[in-house]
Amino acid sequence: MTDTTIEMACSLDSEARNERRAFFRERLLPDAVQKIRTDDGLRIFFRNDPAMRSEIRTLIDLERQCCGFLDFELAEDEERLTLTITGPPAAAAVLDQMASVASIRPPGAAAVDSGP
């Protein structure tokens, strides 16, 4: 592997990967107000809440340890938190898997909106 080669696989074992999916599915996604699959990743919106901000930051910290090839960004305004997860084209399969766990439709499809 050269210095410019990036490993495009999660470093978690199967059990830890299942636990991470459960964290994502059970502690974050129920509070998502909108979920979008973009061409290069995912964008998930939440109401701006200190507890949710903490949960999202926990996920970001954990994911950066095992999936260093993905970029995680948390943005906020007065009303909402926006979690953006992106990656290079070679990470498309990983992003597709994350989108599937989150029940997010492919790019170009209507967004799933669970809030007013």
N, C-alpha and C. Protein backbone atom coordinates (compact mmCIF):
# COMPACT_ATOMS: atom_id res chain seq x y z
N MET A 1 0.85 -1.18 0.00
CA MET A 1 0.00 0.00 0.00
C MET A 1 0.90 1.24 0.00
N THR A 2 0.60 2.19 -0.87
CA THR A 2 1.38 3.42 -0.93
C THR A 2 0.79 4.45 0.02
N ASP A 3 1.50 5.55 0.20
CA ASP A 3 1.02 6.61 1.08
C ASP A 3 -0.28 7.23 0.59
N THR A 4 -0.53 7.17 -0.72
CA THR A 4 -1.74 7.78 -1.27
C THR A 4 -2.91 6.81 -1.31
N THR A 5 -2.70 5.57 -0.95
CA THR A 5 -3.78 4.59 -0.94
C THR A 5 -4.51 4.66 0.40
N ILE A 6 -5.82 4.70 0.32
CA ILE A 6 -6.63 4.75 1.53
C ILE A 6 -7.43 3.46 1.63
N GLU A 7 -7.38 2.81 2.76
CA GLU A 7 -8.16 1.60 2.99
C GLU A 7 -9.64 1.99 3.06
N MET A 8 -10.48 1.37 2.22
CA MET A 8 -11.89 1.71 2.16
C MET A 8 -12.74 0.67 2.88
N ALA A 9 -12.32 0.26 4.04
CA ALA A 9 -13.08 -0.71 4.80
C ALA A 9 -13.10 -0.30 6.26
N CYS A 10 -14.21 -0.57 6.89
CA CYS A 10 -14.34 -0.30 8.31
C CYS A 10 -13.43 -1.25 9.08
N SER A 11 -12.78 -0.76 10.10
CA SER A 11 -11.86 -1.60 10.87
C SER A 11 -12.54 -2.36 12.01
N LEU A 12 -13.86 -2.19 12.17
CA LEU A 12 -14.57 -2.88 13.25
C LEU A 12 -14.82 -4.34 12.89
N ASP A 13 -14.83 -5.20 13.92
CA ASP A 13 -15.23 -6.57 13.68
C ASP A 13 -16.76 -6.62 13.58
N SER A 14 -17.29 -7.76 13.25
CA SER A 14 -18.73 -7.89 12.99
C SER A 14 -19.59 -7.48 14.19
N GLU A 15 -19.21 -7.91 15.37
CA GLU A 15 -19.98 -7.57 16.57
C GLU A 15 -19.98 -6.07 16.84
N ALA A 16 -18.82 -5.46 16.76
CA ALA A 16 -18.71 -4.01 16.99
C ALA A 16 -19.46 -3.23 15.91
N ARG A 17 -19.40 -3.72 14.67
CA ARG A 17 -20.13 -3.06 13.58
C ARG A 17 -21.63 -3.10 13.84
N ASN A 18 -22.13 -4.24 14.32
CA ASN A 18 -23.56 -4.35 14.64
C ASN A 18 -23.94 -3.40 15.78
N GLU A 19 -23.07 -3.27 16.77
CA GLU A 19 -23.33 -2.34 17.88
C GLU A 19 -23.36 -0.90 17.37
N ARG A 20 -22.46 -0.55 16.46
CA ARG A 20 -22.42 0.81 15.90
C ARG A 20 -23.69 1.09 15.09
N ARG A 21 -24.11 0.12 14.30
CA ARG A 21 -25.36 0.29 13.54
C ARG A 21 -26.54 0.50 14.48
N ALA A 22 -26.57 -0.26 15.57
CA ALA A 22 -27.65 -0.11 16.54
C ALA A 22 -27.63 1.28 17.17
N PHE A 23 -26.46 1.79 17.49
CA PHE A 23 -26.33 3.15 18.03
C PHE A 23 -26.91 4.15 17.04
N PHE A 24 -26.52 4.05 15.80
CA PHE A 24 -26.97 4.94 14.73
C PHE A 24 -28.49 4.84 14.56
N ARG A 25 -28.98 3.62 14.48
CA ARG A 25 -30.40 3.37 14.22
C ARG A 25 -31.29 3.71 15.42
N GLU A 26 -30.83 3.41 16.63
CA GLU A 26 -31.69 3.55 17.81
C GLU A 26 -31.53 4.87 18.56
N ARG A 27 -30.33 5.45 18.53
CA ARG A 27 -30.10 6.67 19.32
C ARG A 27 -30.10 7.95 18.50
N LEU A 28 -29.89 7.84 17.19
CA LEU A 28 -29.88 9.04 16.36
C LEU A 28 -31.07 9.12 15.42
N LEU A 29 -31.27 8.09 14.63
CA LEU A 29 -32.26 8.16 13.56
C LEU A 29 -33.69 8.43 14.01
N PRO A 30 -34.13 7.95 15.18
CA PRO A 30 -35.51 8.27 15.57
C PRO A 30 -35.78 9.77 15.68
N ASP A 31 -34.74 10.56 15.92
CA ASP A 31 -34.91 12.01 16.07
C ASP A 31 -34.58 12.79 14.81
N ALA A 32 -34.26 12.10 13.72
CA ALA A 32 -33.98 12.79 12.46
C ALA A 32 -35.27 13.37 11.90
N VAL A 33 -35.20 14.62 11.44
CA VAL A 33 -36.38 15.24 10.84
C VAL A 33 -36.31 15.18 9.32
N GLN A 34 -35.11 14.95 8.77
CA GLN A 34 -34.98 14.79 7.32
C GLN A 34 -33.68 14.05 7.05
N LYS A 35 -33.71 13.17 6.04
CA LYS A 35 -32.53 12.39 5.66
C LYS A 35 -32.41 12.44 4.14
N ILE A 36 -31.21 12.75 3.65
CA ILE A 36 -30.99 12.88 2.22
C ILE A 36 -29.72 12.11 1.83
N ARG A 37 -29.78 11.39 0.72
CA ARG A 37 -28.59 10.75 0.14
C ARG A 37 -28.10 11.68 -0.96
N THR A 38 -26.92 12.22 -0.81
CA THR A 38 -26.33 13.10 -1.81
C THR A 38 -25.43 12.28 -2.74
N ASP A 39 -24.91 12.90 -3.77
CA ASP A 39 -24.03 12.18 -4.69
C ASP A 39 -22.78 11.64 -4.01
N ASP A 40 -22.31 12.33 -2.98
CA ASP A 40 -21.07 11.90 -2.33
C ASP A 40 -21.23 11.54 -0.86
N GLY A 41 -22.48 11.36 -0.40
CA GLY A 41 -22.66 11.00 1.00
C GLY A 41 -24.08 11.08 1.49
N LEU A 42 -24.21 11.43 2.77
CA LEU A 42 -25.50 11.51 3.45
C LEU A 42 -25.60 12.85 4.16
N ARG A 43 -26.81 13.33 4.29
CA ARG A 43 -27.05 14.53 5.09
C ARG A 43 -28.28 14.23 5.94
N ILE A 44 -28.14 14.35 7.25
CA ILE A 44 -29.23 14.04 8.17
C ILE A 44 -29.45 15.26 9.06
N PHE A 45 -30.70 15.68 9.16
CA PHE A 45 -31.07 16.88 9.91
C PHE A 45 -31.80 16.50 11.19
N PHE A 46 -31.50 17.22 12.26
CA PHE A 46 -32.11 17.02 13.57
C PHE A 46 -32.50 18.38 14.14
N ARG A 47 -33.45 18.37 15.06
CA ARG A 47 -33.73 19.60 15.79
C ARG A 47 -32.52 19.93 16.65
N ASN A 48 -32.24 21.21 16.82
CA ASN A 48 -31.08 21.61 17.61
C ASN A 48 -31.38 21.39 19.09
N ASP A 49 -30.71 20.42 19.64
CA ASP A 49 -30.91 20.02 21.03
C ASP A 49 -29.55 19.61 21.60
N PRO A 50 -29.20 20.09 22.80
CA PRO A 50 -27.89 19.76 23.37
C PRO A 50 -27.64 18.25 23.51
N ALA A 51 -28.65 17.49 23.90
CA ALA A 51 -28.46 16.04 24.06
C ALA A 51 -28.20 15.39 22.71
N MET A 52 -28.93 15.82 21.67
CA MET A 52 -28.71 15.25 20.34
C MET A 52 -27.34 15.65 19.81
N ARG A 53 -26.93 16.88 20.04
CA ARG A 53 -25.60 17.33 19.62
C ARG A 53 -24.53 16.42 20.23
N SER A 54 -24.69 16.09 21.50
CA SER A 54 -23.74 15.21 22.18
C SER A 54 -23.74 13.81 21.55
N GLU A 55 -24.91 13.28 21.24
CA GLU A 55 -25.01 11.95 20.63
C GLU A 55 -24.33 11.94 19.25
N ILE A 56 -24.57 12.99 18.47
CA ILE A 56 -23.97 13.07 17.14
C ILE A 56 -22.45 13.17 17.26
N ARG A 57 -21.97 13.97 18.18
CA ARG A 57 -20.52 14.10 18.37
C ARG A 57 -19.90 12.77 18.80
N THR A 58 -20.62 12.02 19.63
CA THR A 58 -20.15 10.69 20.03
C THR A 58 -20.01 9.80 18.81
N LEU A 59 -21.04 9.79 17.95
CA LEU A 59 -20.98 8.97 16.73
C LEU A 59 -19.80 9.41 15.86
N ILE A 60 -19.64 10.70 15.66
CA ILE A 60 -18.54 11.20 14.83
C ILE A 60 -17.19 10.75 15.39
N ASP A 61 -16.99 10.88 16.69
CA ASP A 61 -15.72 10.46 17.31
C ASP A 61 -15.48 8.97 17.10
N LEU A 62 -16.51 8.16 17.28
CA LEU A 62 -16.37 6.72 17.10
C LEU A 62 -16.08 6.36 15.65
N GLU A 63 -16.81 6.97 14.73
CA GLU A 63 -16.65 6.65 13.31
C GLU A 63 -15.30 7.09 12.77
N ARG A 64 -14.78 8.17 13.25
CA ARG A 64 -13.46 8.63 12.78
C ARG A 64 -12.36 7.64 13.17
N GLN A 65 -12.59 6.86 14.21
CA GLN A 65 -11.60 5.87 14.64
C GLN A 65 -11.57 4.65 13.72
N CYS A 66 -12.71 4.30 13.14
CA CYS A 66 -12.76 3.07 12.34
C CYS A 66 -12.93 3.31 10.85
N CYS A 67 -13.39 4.47 10.47
CA CYS A 67 -13.65 4.77 9.05
C CYS A 67 -12.99 6.10 8.69
N GLY A 68 -11.67 6.14 8.77
CA GLY A 68 -10.92 7.37 8.53
C GLY A 68 -11.02 7.89 7.11
N PHE A 69 -11.53 7.09 6.20
CA PHE A 69 -11.67 7.52 4.81
C PHE A 69 -12.94 8.34 4.59
N LEU A 70 -13.81 8.42 5.60
CA LEU A 70 -15.03 9.22 5.51
C LEU A 70 -14.83 10.55 6.23
N ASP A 71 -15.54 11.56 5.77
CA ASP A 71 -15.51 12.87 6.42
C ASP A 71 -16.85 13.08 7.13
N PHE A 72 -16.79 13.54 8.36
CA PHE A 72 -17.98 13.81 9.17
C PHE A 72 -17.98 15.27 9.56
N GLU A 73 -19.10 15.93 9.36
CA GLU A 73 -19.22 17.34 9.71
C GLU A 73 -20.54 17.56 10.44
N LEU A 74 -20.48 18.30 11.52
CA LEU A 74 -21.68 18.69 12.25
C LEU A 74 -21.79 20.20 12.17
N ALA A 75 -22.88 20.66 11.56
CA ALA A 75 -23.15 22.10 11.46
C ALA A 75 -24.43 22.37 12.24
N GLU A 76 -24.56 23.61 12.71
CA GLU A 76 -25.78 23.93 13.44
C GLU A 76 -26.18 25.37 13.23
N ASP A 77 -27.48 25.59 13.32
CA ASP A 77 -28.02 26.94 13.39
C ASP A 77 -28.99 26.94 14.57
N GLU A 78 -29.76 27.97 14.73
CA GLU A 78 -30.64 28.06 15.90
C GLU A 78 -31.67 26.94 15.96
N GLU A 79 -32.11 26.45 14.80
CA GLU A 79 -33.20 25.48 14.77
C GLU A 79 -32.77 24.04 14.55
N ARG A 80 -31.64 23.82 13.86
CA ARG A 80 -31.33 22.43 13.54
C ARG A 80 -29.84 22.13 13.54
N LEU A 81 -29.58 20.84 13.66
CA LEU A 81 -28.24 20.28 13.54
C LEU A 81 -28.20 19.53 12.22
N THR A 82 -27.09 19.63 11.52
CA THR A 82 -26.95 18.92 10.25
C THR A 82 -25.69 18.06 10.31
N LEU A 83 -25.89 16.74 10.22
CA LEU A 83 -24.79 15.80 10.15
C LEU A 83 -24.56 15.47 8.69
N THR A 84 -23.36 15.76 8.19
CA THR A 84 -23.01 15.44 6.81
C THR A 84 -21.88 14.42 6.84
N ILE A 85 -22.09 13.33 6.12
CA ILE A 85 -21.09 12.27 6.01
C ILE A 85 -20.76 12.14 4.53
N THR A 86 -19.50 12.32 4.17
CA THR A 86 -19.08 12.22 2.78
C THR A 86 -17.84 11.36 2.65
N GLY A 87 -17.58 10.95 1.42
CA GLY A 87 -16.40 10.16 1.16
C GLY A 87 -16.05 10.19 -0.31
N PRO A 88 -14.88 9.66 -0.65
CA PRO A 88 -14.45 9.62 -2.05
C PRO A 88 -15.30 8.61 -2.82
N PRO A 89 -15.25 8.66 -4.15
CA PRO A 89 -16.04 7.72 -4.95
C PRO A 89 -15.83 6.26 -4.57
N ALA A 90 -14.62 5.90 -4.17
CA ALA A 90 -14.34 4.51 -3.80
C ALA A 90 -15.07 4.08 -2.53
N ALA A 91 -15.62 5.04 -1.78
CA ALA A 91 -16.35 4.73 -0.55
C ALA A 91 -17.85 4.60 -0.78
N ALA A 92 -18.28 4.60 -2.04
CA ALA A 92 -19.71 4.57 -2.36
C ALA A 92 -20.43 3.39 -1.71
N ALA A 93 -19.81 2.21 -1.70
CA ALA A 93 -20.47 1.04 -1.12
C ALA A 93 -20.69 1.21 0.38
N VAL A 94 -19.72 1.79 1.06
CA VAL A 94 -19.86 2.02 2.51
C VAL A 94 -20.97 3.04 2.76
N LEU A 95 -20.99 4.11 1.97
CA LEU A 95 -22.03 5.13 2.12
C LEU A 95 -23.41 4.56 1.78
N ASP A 96 -23.47 3.70 0.76
CA ASP A 96 -24.74 3.05 0.43
C ASP A 96 -25.23 2.20 1.59
N GLN A 97 -24.31 1.51 2.25
CA GLN A 97 -24.67 0.68 3.39
C GLN A 97 -25.19 1.54 4.54
N MET A 98 -24.54 2.67 4.80
CA MET A 98 -25.00 3.58 5.84
C MET A 98 -26.38 4.14 5.49
N ALA A 99 -26.58 4.47 4.21
CA ALA A 99 -27.88 4.98 3.77
C ALA A 99 -28.96 3.93 3.95
N SER A 100 -28.62 2.68 3.69
CA SER A 100 -29.59 1.59 3.86
C SER A 100 -29.99 1.45 5.33
N VAL A 101 -29.02 1.49 6.22
CA VAL A 101 -29.31 1.41 7.66
C VAL A 101 -30.24 2.55 8.07
N ALA A 102 -30.04 3.73 7.46
CA ALA A 102 -30.83 4.91 7.79
C ALA A 102 -32.12 5.02 6.98
N SER A 103 -32.36 4.04 6.10
CA SER A 103 -33.54 4.06 5.22
C SER A 103 -33.59 5.34 4.39
N ILE A 104 -32.44 5.70 3.82
CA ILE A 104 -32.33 6.88 2.98
C ILE A 104 -32.37 6.44 1.52
N ARG A 105 -33.17 7.14 0.74
CA ARG A 105 -33.29 6.82 -0.68
C ARG A 105 -32.06 7.29 -1.45
N PRO A 106 -31.84 6.71 -2.64
CA PRO A 106 -30.69 7.11 -3.47
C PRO A 106 -30.75 8.57 -3.89
N PRO A 107 -29.60 9.12 -4.36
CA PRO A 107 -29.59 10.51 -4.83
C PRO A 107 -30.65 10.72 -5.90
N GLY A 108 -31.29 11.87 -5.84
CA GLY A 108 -32.31 12.20 -6.83
C GLY A 108 -33.71 11.77 -6.42
N ALA A 109 -33.82 10.86 -5.46
CA ALA A 109 -35.13 10.44 -4.97
C ALA A 109 -35.63 11.45 -3.95
N ALA A 110 -36.91 11.45 -3.70
CA ALA A 110 -37.49 12.38 -2.72
C ALA A 110 -36.91 12.11 -1.34
N ALA A 111 -36.69 13.16 -0.60
CA ALA A 111 -36.17 13.04 0.76
C ALA A 111 -37.23 12.43 1.66
N VAL A 112 -36.77 11.71 2.67
CA VAL A 112 -37.67 11.15 3.67
C VAL A 112 -37.79 12.20 4.76
N ASP A 113 -38.98 12.71 4.96
CA ASP A 113 -39.21 13.78 5.92
C ASP A 113 -40.16 13.28 6.99
N SER A 114 -39.68 13.20 8.22
CA SER A 114 -40.52 12.68 9.30
C SER A 114 -40.98 13.76 10.25
N GLY A 115 -40.83 15.00 9.86
CA GLY A 115 -41.25 16.09 10.74
C GLY A 115 -42.02 17.14 9.99
N PRO A 116 -42.59 18.11 10.72
CA PRO A 116 -43.37 19.17 10.06
C PRO A 116 -42.50 20.09 9.25
